[in-house]
Amino acid sequence: FERFKTELLDFEHPNMNNACIRPNADDVLMGRKANVFHHPGNQRYRHLITSSLPKYRPLQNRGMKAMFKKRLTEEILDGGRVRFLRLGKEGYWEKIPPSEVHGKITHALRD
């Protein structure tokens, strides 16, 4: 049953304002399980973060760092094609708000 709940698409849940989401290969999934780690969207995300570090680390000006993070966020989100998703309390995937996505990317650059 749990697997079924996470695979629903376009189903109106009574306690949610928008339709349930079915993750696709481009999405970045939040979580600590192995299936999340190996998800194609997560692999692409980690690659983009890792490949951006040599350009980000030497920046000393806060403004330049902020601009870099903004551009990296736009690149990762790929014009809205990529979504950051987390499993909600009821077991349905939900989209993370843009401000939280930016925070996740910023945190990944610091690690």
Protein backbone atom coordinates (compact mmCIF):
# COMPACT_ATOMS: atom_id res chain seq x y z
CA PHE A 1 0.00 0.00 0.00
CA GLU A 2 2.81 2.45 0.82
CA ARG A 3 4.39 1.97 -2.61
CA PHE A 4 1.01 2.55 -4.23
CA LYS A 5 0.52 5.86 -2.39
CA THR A 6 3.85 7.23 -3.66
CA GLU A 7 3.08 6.30 -7.27
CA LEU A 8 -0.24 8.12 -7.60
CA LEU A 9 -0.52 10.84 -10.19
CA ASP A 10 -3.16 13.56 -10.51
CA PHE A 11 -5.16 12.30 -7.57
CA GLU A 12 -6.81 14.90 -5.36
CA HIS A 13 -6.09 14.16 -1.74
CA PRO A 14 -8.68 15.71 0.61
CA ASN A 15 -6.03 17.28 2.89
CA MET A 16 -3.92 18.78 0.10
CA ASN A 17 -4.39 21.83 -2.06
CA ASN A 18 -2.73 20.32 -5.11
CA ALA A 19 -2.60 16.94 -6.82
CA CYS A 20 -0.33 14.19 -5.57
CA ILE A 21 2.99 14.07 -7.35
CA ARG A 22 4.70 11.12 -8.96
CA PRO A 23 8.48 11.65 -9.07
CA ASN A 24 10.19 11.42 -12.43
CA ALA A 25 13.84 10.81 -13.31
CA ASP A 26 14.64 14.55 -13.30
CA ASP A 27 13.36 15.25 -9.79
CA VAL A 28 15.57 15.60 -6.72
CA LEU A 29 14.15 13.54 -3.86
CA MET A 30 14.78 14.46 -0.23
CA GLY A 31 15.49 11.62 2.15
CA ARG A 32 18.20 9.31 3.42
CA LYS A 33 17.26 5.97 1.90
CA ALA A 34 19.39 4.22 -0.72
CA ASN A 35 16.72 4.54 -3.42
CA VAL A 36 16.81 8.33 -2.97
CA PHE A 37 20.61 8.41 -3.12
CA HIS A 38 20.66 6.45 -6.38
CA HIS A 39 17.74 8.32 -7.99
CA PRO A 40 18.88 9.82 -11.36
CA GLY A 41 17.79 13.35 -10.43
CA ASN A 42 19.77 13.17 -7.18
CA GLN A 43 22.84 11.91 -9.03
CA ARG A 44 22.60 14.85 -11.47
CA TYR A 45 22.13 17.26 -8.55
CA ARG A 46 25.23 15.94 -6.72
CA HIS A 47 27.24 16.14 -9.94
CA LEU A 48 26.23 19.77 -10.52
CA ILE A 49 27.09 20.70 -6.92
CA THR A 50 30.45 18.90 -7.02
CA SER A 51 31.44 20.35 -10.39
CA SER A 52 30.49 23.87 -9.18
CA LEU A 53 32.64 23.80 -6.04
CA PRO A 54 35.95 24.77 -7.73
CA LYS A 55 34.26 27.91 -9.09
CA TYR A 56 32.37 28.71 -5.87
CA ARG A 57 35.07 28.23 -3.20
CA PRO A 58 37.45 31.00 -4.38
CA LEU A 59 34.67 33.63 -4.36
CA GLN A 60 35.18 36.00 -1.44
CA ASN A 61 32.54 38.66 -2.06
CA ARG A 62 29.11 37.85 -0.58
CA GLY A 63 27.38 39.42 -3.57
CA MET A 64 29.30 37.25 -6.01
CA LYS A 65 28.53 34.15 -3.93
CA ALA A 66 24.83 35.05 -3.84
CA MET A 67 24.77 35.56 -7.63
CA PHE A 68 26.59 32.25 -8.15
CA LYS A 69 24.09 30.39 -5.93
CA LYS A 70 21.17 31.99 -7.75
CA ARG A 71 22.51 30.94 -11.15
CA LEU A 72 23.32 27.45 -9.90
CA THR A 73 19.79 27.12 -8.50
CA GLU A 74 18.38 28.13 -11.90
CA GLU A 75 20.65 25.61 -13.64
CA ILE A 76 19.66 22.80 -11.28
CA LEU A 77 15.94 23.57 -11.60
CA ASP A 78 16.38 23.66 -15.39
CA GLY A 79 13.55 26.08 -16.10
CA GLY A 80 11.04 24.26 -13.89
CA ARG A 81 11.72 20.81 -15.34
CA VAL A 82 13.35 19.63 -12.09
CA ARG A 83 11.39 19.56 -8.84
CA PHE A 84 12.63 19.06 -5.30
CA LEU A 85 10.28 16.62 -3.59
CA ARG A 86 9.88 15.19 -0.10
CA LEU A 87 7.60 12.55 1.27
CA GLY A 88 4.91 14.21 3.34
CA LYS A 89 3.55 12.93 6.64
CA GLU A 90 0.86 10.89 4.88
CA GLY A 91 3.27 9.23 2.45
CA TYR A 92 2.56 11.43 -0.59
CA TRP A 93 5.28 13.27 -2.47
CA GLU A 94 5.08 17.05 -2.15
CA LYS A 95 6.98 19.85 -3.83
CA ILE A 96 9.40 21.85 -1.71
CA PRO A 97 8.96 25.66 -1.85
CA PRO A 98 11.59 27.64 -3.84
CA SER A 99 13.05 29.30 -0.74
CA GLU A 100 13.69 25.88 0.81
CA VAL A 101 15.23 24.61 -2.45
CA HIS A 102 17.64 27.56 -2.43
CA GLY A 103 18.53 26.73 1.18
CA LYS A 104 19.23 23.08 0.28
CA ILE A 105 21.53 24.13 -2.57
CA THR A 106 23.32 26.69 -0.38
CA HIS A 107 23.83 24.07 2.32
CA ALA A 108 25.18 21.56 -0.21
CA LEU A 109 27.80 24.11 -1.33
CA ARG A 110 28.96 24.58 2.27
CA ASP A 111 29.39 20.85 2.98
